[in-house]
Amino acid sequence: MPPIYLDKLRYTGLTAFLGGWVVILAAISRNPWFVFTENAFSDLGNPAANYPWIFNYGMMLNGFLIILYGFYLFYASFNKTSSIGAGFMMITGTFLVLIGVFPEGSQNHFMVSVWFFTQGAITVFTWGLALYRIARWSWEGIIFIVLSLGGSLLALMVPWPSIAMAEAWGIIILDIWVAMMTRITPGFNAEELYLPDS
């Protein structure tokens, strides 16, 4: 059994994603030129922006919180699939840190930004697979699978007026997932809770 203090990390994911909105709004307040329907959130971290460190350091801090949340998910994991999902969450956090390290205008920014959202969707999907056969969490598993696949499909197909709007959609998907994940408790005997084969 992992150390019980890891349970204290349960809300680091929720703190990170809500904190992301706080950072974005704080950066927007310092950049009145920003238009949600025209810009990308990363424009707020461009060296030409006002106080770009608000966005960049904020993303790095929230990325670190997501990595800590990944440790909690390892603690809450109950099978190989959920453990893999925990690892994917840590990778998602790492890419968010890298968004701050490589701000808009730098060579690697586009790659790390795309992979942050891609890895986030993969994380949600993986946890959906881990949970949908568990009687206690089967509905959460189904919802996560629909969120990841449906959310990604809409993100690709909808003609978003701006990158920021597409980014907001992706963040909202992750917000819903992490809010629901706070209900997933560690340490239960998952083998006794599997749904029987039909």
Protein backbone atom coordinates (compact mmCIF):
# COMPACT_ATOMS: atom_id res chain seq x y z
CA MET A 1 0.00 0.00 0.00
CA PRO A 2 1.49 3.41 -1.00
CA PRO A 3 2.08 5.99 1.75
CA ILE A 4 -1.19 7.47 2.95
CA TYR A 5 0.17 11.02 2.60
CA LEU A 6 -0.30 10.67 -1.15
CA ASP A 7 -4.04 10.97 -0.50
CA LYS A 8 -3.40 14.64 0.28
CA LEU A 9 -2.58 15.11 -3.42
CA ARG A 10 -6.12 14.22 -4.50
CA TYR A 11 -7.08 17.82 -5.24
CA THR A 12 -3.85 18.97 -6.88
CA GLY A 13 -5.31 18.18 -10.29
CA LEU A 14 -8.43 20.24 -9.68
CA THR A 15 -6.27 23.03 -8.23
CA ALA A 16 -4.07 22.97 -11.33
CA PHE A 17 -6.86 23.18 -13.87
CA LEU A 18 -8.79 25.84 -11.96
CA GLY A 19 -5.48 27.62 -11.40
CA GLY A 20 -4.95 27.57 -15.14
CA TRP A 21 -8.05 29.72 -15.61
CA VAL A 22 -6.84 32.10 -12.89
CA VAL A 23 -3.51 32.47 -14.69
CA ILE A 24 -5.20 33.02 -18.05
CA LEU A 25 -7.56 35.65 -16.65
CA ALA A 26 -4.72 37.39 -14.80
CA ALA A 27 -2.65 37.50 -17.99
CA ILE A 28 -5.62 38.80 -20.00
CA SER A 29 -6.14 41.58 -17.44
CA ARG A 30 -2.63 42.80 -18.23
CA ASN A 31 -3.10 42.52 -21.99
CA PRO A 32 -6.25 44.42 -23.02
CA TRP A 33 -5.47 43.77 -26.70
CA PHE A 34 -6.29 40.06 -26.21
CA VAL A 35 -9.50 38.99 -27.97
CA PHE A 36 -10.88 35.55 -27.12
CA THR A 37 -12.35 35.07 -30.60
CA GLU A 38 -9.15 36.09 -32.39
CA ASN A 39 -6.09 35.08 -30.36
CA ALA A 40 -4.53 32.01 -28.78
CA PHE A 41 -3.95 31.77 -25.04
CA SER A 42 -0.26 31.30 -25.77
CA ASP A 43 -0.17 34.84 -27.18
CA LEU A 44 -0.23 35.91 -23.53
CA GLY A 45 3.16 34.26 -23.02
CA ASN A 46 4.80 35.75 -26.08
CA PRO A 47 7.80 37.94 -25.16
CA ALA A 48 6.02 40.84 -26.87
CA ALA A 49 3.05 40.57 -24.48
CA ASN A 50 2.74 42.59 -21.28
CA TYR A 51 4.06 40.61 -18.31
CA PRO A 52 4.47 37.33 -20.26
CA TRP A 53 5.91 35.74 -17.11
CA ILE A 54 2.40 35.62 -15.62
CA PHE A 55 1.29 33.14 -18.26
CA ASN A 56 4.56 31.26 -18.63
CA TYR A 57 5.40 30.82 -14.95
CA GLY A 58 1.74 30.12 -14.23
CA MET A 59 1.70 27.28 -16.76
CA MET A 60 4.89 25.87 -15.28
CA LEU A 61 3.45 25.95 -11.74
CA ASN A 62 0.18 24.33 -12.79
CA GLY A 63 2.07 21.74 -14.81
CA PHE A 64 4.01 20.82 -11.68
CA LEU A 65 0.72 20.42 -9.79
CA ILE A 66 -0.54 18.10 -12.53
CA ILE A 67 2.61 15.99 -12.19
CA LEU A 68 1.90 15.73 -8.45
CA TYR A 69 -1.65 14.70 -9.32
CA GLY A 70 -0.16 11.94 -11.45
CA PHE A 71 1.51 10.61 -8.30
CA TYR A 72 -1.89 10.58 -6.60
CA LEU A 73 -3.36 8.67 -9.54
CA PHE A 74 -0.66 6.02 -9.12
CA TYR A 75 -1.79 5.79 -5.51
CA ALA A 76 -5.43 5.46 -6.63
CA SER A 77 -4.64 2.98 -9.40
CA PHE A 78 -6.03 -0.53 -9.18
CA ASN A 79 -4.97 -2.20 -12.45
CA LYS A 80 -2.37 -1.83 -15.20
CA THR A 81 -4.59 0.41 -17.32
CA SER A 82 -5.17 2.90 -14.51
CA SER A 83 -1.43 2.91 -13.72
CA ILE A 84 -0.72 3.71 -17.37
CA GLY A 85 -3.32 6.50 -17.15
CA ALA A 86 -1.49 7.89 -14.12
CA GLY A 87 1.73 7.94 -16.11
CA PHE A 88 -0.02 9.70 -18.98
CA MET A 89 -1.25 12.37 -16.54
CA MET A 90 2.32 13.03 -15.44
CA ILE A 91 3.36 13.37 -19.08
CA THR A 92 0.46 15.82 -19.62
CA GLY A 93 1.76 17.92 -16.73
CA THR A 94 5.27 17.82 -18.16
CA PHE A 95 4.04 19.22 -21.47
CA LEU A 96 2.23 22.03 -19.62
CA VAL A 97 5.50 22.89 -17.87
CA LEU A 98 7.19 22.92 -21.28
CA ILE A 99 4.58 25.36 -22.62
CA GLY A 100 5.98 27.81 -20.07
CA VAL A 101 9.57 26.87 -20.81
CA PHE A 102 9.06 27.26 -24.58
CA PRO A 103 6.67 30.24 -24.91
CA GLU A 104 5.01 31.31 -28.11
CA GLY A 105 7.60 32.36 -30.64
CA SER A 106 10.12 29.71 -29.63
CA GLN A 107 10.96 26.75 -31.83
CA ASN A 108 9.29 24.00 -29.80
CA HIS A 109 6.17 25.80 -28.59
CA PHE A 110 3.72 24.45 -31.16
CA MET A 111 4.79 20.86 -30.59
CA VAL A 112 4.52 20.97 -26.79
CA SER A 113 1.16 22.78 -26.96
CA VAL A 114 -0.37 20.19 -29.30
CA TRP A 115 1.01 17.34 -27.22
CA PHE A 116 -0.37 18.80 -24.00
CA PHE A 117 -3.93 18.56 -25.32
CA THR A 118 -3.30 15.27 -27.11
CA GLN A 119 -1.81 13.68 -24.02
CA GLY A 120 -4.66 15.03 -21.92
CA ALA A 121 -7.22 13.36 -24.20
CA ILE A 122 -5.26 10.10 -24.09
CA THR A 123 -5.23 10.27 -20.29
CA VAL A 124 -9.01 10.71 -20.09
CA PHE A 125 -9.55 7.84 -22.55
CA THR A 126 -7.18 5.53 -20.68
CA TRP A 127 -8.94 6.13 -17.37
CA GLY A 128 -12.25 5.50 -19.12
CA LEU A 129 -10.96 2.10 -20.21
CA ALA A 130 -9.70 1.42 -16.68
CA LEU A 131 -13.04 2.23 -15.03
CA TYR A 132 -15.83 1.13 -17.32
CA ARG A 133 -15.61 -2.55 -16.28
CA ILE A 134 -15.66 -1.64 -12.58
CA ALA A 135 -19.23 -1.81 -11.26
CA ARG A 136 -18.66 1.03 -8.83
CA TRP A 137 -17.26 3.37 -11.49
CA SER A 138 -18.68 2.05 -14.77
CA TRP A 139 -20.67 5.18 -15.61
CA GLU A 140 -17.64 7.37 -14.98
CA GLY A 141 -15.65 5.14 -17.31
CA ILE A 142 -18.22 5.46 -20.08
CA ILE A 143 -18.42 9.23 -19.63
CA PHE A 144 -14.62 9.52 -19.82
CA ILE A 145 -14.48 7.52 -23.04
CA VAL A 146 -17.22 9.68 -24.59
CA LEU A 147 -15.51 12.86 -23.36
CA SER A 148 -12.15 11.92 -24.83
CA LEU A 149 -13.38 10.65 -28.19
CA GLY A 150 -16.29 13.05 -28.66
CA GLY A 151 -14.37 16.02 -27.33
CA SER A 152 -11.38 15.34 -29.58
CA LEU A 153 -13.63 14.87 -32.62
CA LEU A 154 -15.39 18.18 -32.00
CA ALA A 155 -12.07 19.92 -31.42
CA LEU A 156 -10.90 18.78 -34.86
CA MET A 157 -14.15 19.25 -36.79
CA VAL A 158 -15.59 22.51 -35.45
CA PRO A 159 -14.36 25.60 -37.35
CA TRP A 160 -13.33 27.47 -34.22
CA PRO A 161 -13.06 31.25 -34.78
CA SER A 162 -9.82 31.28 -32.78
CA ILE A 163 -7.23 28.96 -31.31
CA ALA A 164 -8.16 30.21 -27.84
CA MET A 165 -11.70 28.90 -28.26
CA ALA A 166 -10.43 25.46 -29.27
CA GLU A 167 -8.01 25.52 -26.36
CA ALA A 168 -10.82 26.48 -23.97
CA TRP A 169 -12.84 23.51 -25.19
CA GLY A 170 -9.94 21.16 -24.51
CA ILE A 171 -9.38 22.64 -21.05
CA ILE A 172 -13.09 22.31 -20.19
CA ILE A 173 -12.97 18.59 -21.11
CA LEU A 174 -10.03 18.15 -18.73
CA ASP A 175 -11.81 20.23 -16.06
CA ILE A 176 -14.83 17.91 -16.18
CA TRP A 177 -12.62 14.83 -16.05
CA VAL A 178 -10.49 15.95 -13.12
CA ALA A 179 -13.54 17.13 -11.16
CA MET A 180 -15.12 13.68 -11.56
CA MET A 181 -11.83 11.94 -10.78
CA THR A 182 -11.76 13.44 -7.28
CA ARG A 183 -14.46 10.85 -6.46
CA ILE A 184 -12.23 7.92 -7.42
CA THR A 185 -10.87 6.53 -4.16
CA PRO A 186 -7.75 4.39 -3.78
CA GLY A 187 -7.33 1.08 -2.05
CA PHE A 188 -10.58 -0.71 -2.86
CA ASN A 189 -10.52 -4.32 -4.07
CA ALA A 190 -11.26 -3.75 -7.75
CA GLU A 191 -11.32 -7.46 -8.57
CA GLU A 192 -14.47 -7.87 -6.47
CA LEU A 193 -16.16 -5.01 -8.30
CA TYR A 194 -15.66 -6.03 -11.93
CA LEU A 195 -18.84 -6.29 -13.94
CA PRO A 196 -19.56 -9.90 -15.01
CA ASP A 197 -19.02 -10.78 -18.66
CA SER A 198 -22.25 -10.68 -20.62
